Amino acid sequence: MKYIICEDFGGHPIPFLFPDKVAHVDMREQLPYSRVLSAGYVLLEGERFVCFGGDAQLGCSARPQDAAFIGDFFNREGPV
């Protein structure tokens, strides 16, 4: 899968995961947020996420903290 982490209107990061068939730039055009923090590919290996790569058109890549952030996001209780 691919992902983009954007900064929401409150200044908080929020991840978007989507299929490999969709280009990062095409997904970016659908998102209402102005700032992209990172982008790349995400895999679930065992019980943890692994993030890698990036997107040249967005000028963003995976950051070391992205995998932990995405994992924490899925483990939150209730609405974000």
N, C-alpha and C. Protein backbone atom coordinates (compact mmCIF):
# COMPACT_ATOMS: atom_id res chain seq x y z
N MET A 1 0.84 -1.17 0.00
CA MET A 1 0.00 0.00 0.00
C MET A 1 0.89 1.24 0.00
N LYS A 2 0.29 2.34 -0.37
CA LYS A 2 0.96 3.64 -0.32
C LYS A 2 0.36 4.45 0.84
N TYR A 3 1.08 5.49 1.23
CA TYR A 3 0.55 6.37 2.25
C TYR A 3 1.03 7.80 2.04
N ILE A 4 0.26 8.70 2.59
CA ILE A 4 0.62 10.11 2.71
C ILE A 4 0.26 10.52 4.13
N ILE A 5 1.15 11.24 4.78
CA ILE A 5 0.82 11.83 6.07
C ILE A 5 0.75 13.34 5.87
N CYS A 6 -0.42 13.89 6.16
CA CYS A 6 -0.65 15.32 6.02
C CYS A 6 -0.81 15.96 7.39
N GLU A 7 -0.71 17.27 7.41
CA GLU A 7 -1.00 18.03 8.61
C GLU A 7 -2.45 18.50 8.49
N ASP A 8 -3.29 18.14 9.48
CA ASP A 8 -4.70 18.53 9.41
C ASP A 8 -4.86 20.01 9.77
N PHE A 9 -6.09 20.49 9.78
CA PHE A 9 -6.35 21.91 10.01
C PHE A 9 -5.96 22.35 11.42
N GLY A 10 -5.84 21.41 12.34
CA GLY A 10 -5.41 21.71 13.70
C GLY A 10 -3.91 21.59 13.89
N GLY A 11 -3.18 21.27 12.82
CA GLY A 11 -1.73 21.14 12.91
C GLY A 11 -1.27 19.76 13.34
N HIS A 12 -2.18 18.77 13.35
CA HIS A 12 -1.84 17.41 13.76
C HIS A 12 -1.63 16.52 12.54
N PRO A 13 -0.68 15.60 12.60
CA PRO A 13 -0.47 14.69 11.47
C PRO A 13 -1.60 13.67 11.37
N ILE A 14 -1.96 13.34 10.16
CA ILE A 14 -3.00 12.34 9.91
C ILE A 14 -2.60 11.50 8.70
N PRO A 15 -2.63 10.17 8.85
CA PRO A 15 -2.20 9.31 7.74
C PRO A 15 -3.36 8.93 6.81
N PHE A 16 -3.04 8.78 5.55
CA PHE A 16 -3.97 8.26 4.55
C PHE A 16 -3.29 7.10 3.86
N LEU A 17 -3.89 5.92 3.94
CA LEU A 17 -3.36 4.73 3.28
C LEU A 17 -4.26 4.42 2.08
N PHE A 18 -3.64 4.01 0.98
CA PHE A 18 -4.42 3.77 -0.24
C PHE A 18 -3.69 2.75 -1.12
N PRO A 19 -4.40 2.18 -2.09
CA PRO A 19 -3.84 1.11 -2.93
C PRO A 19 -2.68 1.60 -3.81
N ASP A 20 -1.80 0.66 -4.13
CA ASP A 20 -0.65 0.95 -5.00
C ASP A 20 -1.06 1.47 -6.37
N LYS A 21 -2.24 1.12 -6.85
CA LYS A 21 -2.69 1.56 -8.17
C LYS A 21 -2.87 3.07 -8.27
N VAL A 22 -3.11 3.72 -7.13
CA VAL A 22 -3.35 5.16 -7.11
C VAL A 22 -2.02 5.89 -6.94
N ALA A 23 -1.77 6.86 -7.79
CA ALA A 23 -0.54 7.65 -7.70
C ALA A 23 -0.61 8.57 -6.48
N HIS A 24 0.54 8.76 -5.85
CA HIS A 24 0.59 9.67 -4.70
C HIS A 24 0.02 11.04 -5.06
N VAL A 25 0.43 11.58 -6.19
CA VAL A 25 0.00 12.91 -6.59
C VAL A 25 -1.51 12.96 -6.82
N ASP A 26 -2.10 11.88 -7.34
CA ASP A 26 -3.55 11.84 -7.55
C ASP A 26 -4.29 11.82 -6.22
N MET A 27 -3.78 11.06 -5.24
CA MET A 27 -4.40 11.05 -3.93
C MET A 27 -4.25 12.41 -3.26
N ARG A 28 -3.09 13.00 -3.41
CA ARG A 28 -2.84 14.32 -2.81
C ARG A 28 -3.86 15.34 -3.28
N GLU A 29 -4.23 15.28 -4.55
CA GLU A 29 -5.20 16.22 -5.10
C GLU A 29 -6.58 16.08 -4.46
N GLN A 30 -6.87 14.91 -3.88
CA GLN A 30 -8.18 14.66 -3.26
C GLN A 30 -8.24 15.09 -1.79
N LEU A 31 -7.09 15.37 -1.20
CA LEU A 31 -7.04 15.68 0.23
C LEU A 31 -7.18 17.18 0.47
N PRO A 32 -7.95 17.57 1.48
CA PRO A 32 -8.19 19.00 1.72
C PRO A 32 -7.06 19.71 2.46
N TYR A 33 -6.08 18.98 2.94
CA TYR A 33 -5.04 19.57 3.78
C TYR A 33 -3.92 20.17 2.93
N SER A 34 -3.32 21.24 3.44
CA SER A 34 -2.35 21.97 2.63
C SER A 34 -0.93 21.43 2.71
N ARG A 35 -0.55 20.83 3.84
CA ARG A 35 0.85 20.44 4.01
C ARG A 35 1.02 18.93 4.06
N VAL A 36 1.88 18.41 3.19
CA VAL A 36 2.24 16.99 3.21
C VAL A 36 3.53 16.86 4.00
N LEU A 37 3.51 15.99 5.02
CA LEU A 37 4.68 15.78 5.88
C LEU A 37 5.59 14.68 5.35
N SER A 38 4.97 13.62 4.80
CA SER A 38 5.75 12.50 4.25
C SER A 38 4.86 11.66 3.36
N ALA A 39 5.51 10.82 2.57
CA ALA A 39 4.78 9.93 1.66
C ALA A 39 5.69 8.76 1.30
N GLY A 40 5.08 7.63 1.00
CA GLY A 40 5.86 6.46 0.62
C GLY A 40 5.00 5.23 0.54
N TYR A 41 5.61 4.11 0.84
CA TYR A 41 4.93 2.81 0.82
C TYR A 41 4.93 2.25 2.23
N VAL A 42 3.89 1.48 2.55
CA VAL A 42 3.77 0.88 3.88
C VAL A 42 3.40 -0.60 3.74
N LEU A 43 4.08 -1.42 4.50
CA LEU A 43 3.80 -2.86 4.56
C LEU A 43 3.56 -3.25 6.01
N LEU A 44 2.75 -4.27 6.21
CA LEU A 44 2.59 -4.85 7.54
C LEU A 44 3.41 -6.12 7.57
N GLU A 45 4.47 -6.11 8.37
CA GLU A 45 5.34 -7.29 8.52
C GLU A 45 5.15 -7.82 9.92
N GLY A 46 4.50 -8.96 10.03
CA GLY A 46 4.19 -9.51 11.34
C GLY A 46 3.18 -8.61 12.03
N GLU A 47 3.60 -8.00 13.11
CA GLU A 47 2.71 -7.11 13.86
C GLU A 47 3.15 -5.65 13.81
N ARG A 48 4.04 -5.31 12.87
CA ARG A 48 4.50 -3.93 12.80
C ARG A 48 4.49 -3.43 11.36
N PHE A 49 4.35 -2.13 11.24
CA PHE A 49 4.38 -1.50 9.93
C PHE A 49 5.82 -1.15 9.57
N VAL A 50 6.10 -1.20 8.27
CA VAL A 50 7.39 -0.79 7.73
C VAL A 50 7.11 0.22 6.62
N CYS A 51 7.73 1.38 6.70
CA CYS A 51 7.55 2.42 5.70
C CYS A 51 8.86 2.65 4.95
N PHE A 52 8.74 2.92 3.65
CA PHE A 52 9.93 3.11 2.82
C PHE A 52 9.56 3.87 1.56
N GLY A 53 10.57 4.30 0.83
CA GLY A 53 10.35 4.96 -0.45
C GLY A 53 9.87 6.39 -0.30
N GLY A 54 9.26 6.88 -1.35
CA GLY A 54 8.76 8.24 -1.37
C GLY A 54 8.12 8.54 -2.71
N ASP A 55 7.89 9.81 -2.96
CA ASP A 55 7.31 10.22 -4.22
C ASP A 55 8.01 11.49 -4.71
N ALA A 56 8.63 11.40 -5.87
CA ALA A 56 9.39 12.52 -6.42
C ALA A 56 8.49 13.71 -6.75
N GLN A 57 7.29 13.44 -7.26
CA GLN A 57 6.40 14.54 -7.64
C GLN A 57 5.97 15.35 -6.41
N LEU A 58 5.77 14.68 -5.28
CA LEU A 58 5.41 15.40 -4.05
C LEU A 58 6.63 15.96 -3.35
N GLY A 59 7.80 15.44 -3.69
CA GLY A 59 9.02 15.87 -3.04
C GLY A 59 9.09 15.41 -1.59
N CYS A 60 8.47 14.26 -1.30
CA CYS A 60 8.43 13.72 0.06
C CYS A 60 8.87 12.27 0.06
N SER A 61 9.35 11.84 1.21
CA SER A 61 9.73 10.44 1.36
C SER A 61 9.32 9.95 2.74
N ALA A 62 9.48 8.66 2.95
CA ALA A 62 9.17 8.05 4.23
C ALA A 62 10.15 8.57 5.28
N ARG A 63 9.65 8.80 6.48
CA ARG A 63 10.49 9.24 7.60
C ARG A 63 10.61 8.08 8.59
N PRO A 64 11.67 8.06 9.38
CA PRO A 64 11.86 6.98 10.34
C PRO A 64 10.67 6.80 11.30
N GLN A 65 10.01 7.87 11.68
CA GLN A 65 8.91 7.79 12.64
C GLN A 65 7.57 7.43 12.03
N ASP A 66 7.46 7.35 10.71
CA ASP A 66 6.16 7.10 10.07
C ASP A 66 5.55 5.75 10.45
N ALA A 67 6.33 4.69 10.47
CA ALA A 67 5.79 3.36 10.76
C ALA A 67 5.18 3.31 12.15
N ALA A 68 5.87 3.85 13.14
CA ALA A 68 5.35 3.87 14.51
C ALA A 68 4.10 4.74 14.59
N PHE A 69 4.10 5.86 13.89
CA PHE A 69 2.94 6.75 13.91
C PHE A 69 1.71 6.06 13.32
N ILE A 70 1.88 5.40 12.18
CA ILE A 70 0.75 4.69 11.56
C ILE A 70 0.25 3.58 12.48
N GLY A 71 1.16 2.82 13.08
CA GLY A 71 0.77 1.78 14.02
C GLY A 71 0.01 2.34 15.20
N ASP A 72 0.49 3.43 15.78
CA ASP A 72 -0.20 4.06 16.90
C ASP A 72 -1.57 4.56 16.50
N PHE A 73 -1.68 5.08 15.27
CA PHE A 73 -2.96 5.59 14.78
C PHE A 73 -4.01 4.48 14.76
N PHE A 74 -3.62 3.27 14.36
CA PHE A 74 -4.55 2.15 14.31
C PHE A 74 -4.89 1.61 15.69
N ASN A 75 -4.08 1.91 16.67
CA ASN A 75 -4.33 1.41 18.02
C ASN A 75 -5.07 2.39 18.91
N ARG A 76 -5.42 3.55 18.40
CA ARG A 76 -6.16 4.53 19.19
C ARG A 76 -7.59 4.08 19.40
N GLU A 77 -8.15 4.47 20.54
CA GLU A 77 -9.55 4.19 20.82
C GLU A 77 -10.38 5.42 20.52
N GLY A 78 -11.48 5.23 19.85
CA GLY A 78 -12.40 6.32 19.58
C GLY A 78 -11.96 7.21 18.45
N PRO A 79 -12.76 8.24 18.16
CA PRO A 79 -12.45 9.15 17.05
C PRO A 79 -11.20 9.96 17.32
N VAL A 80 -10.55 10.33 16.24
CA VAL A 80 -9.32 11.13 16.34
C VAL A 80 -9.68 12.59 16.32
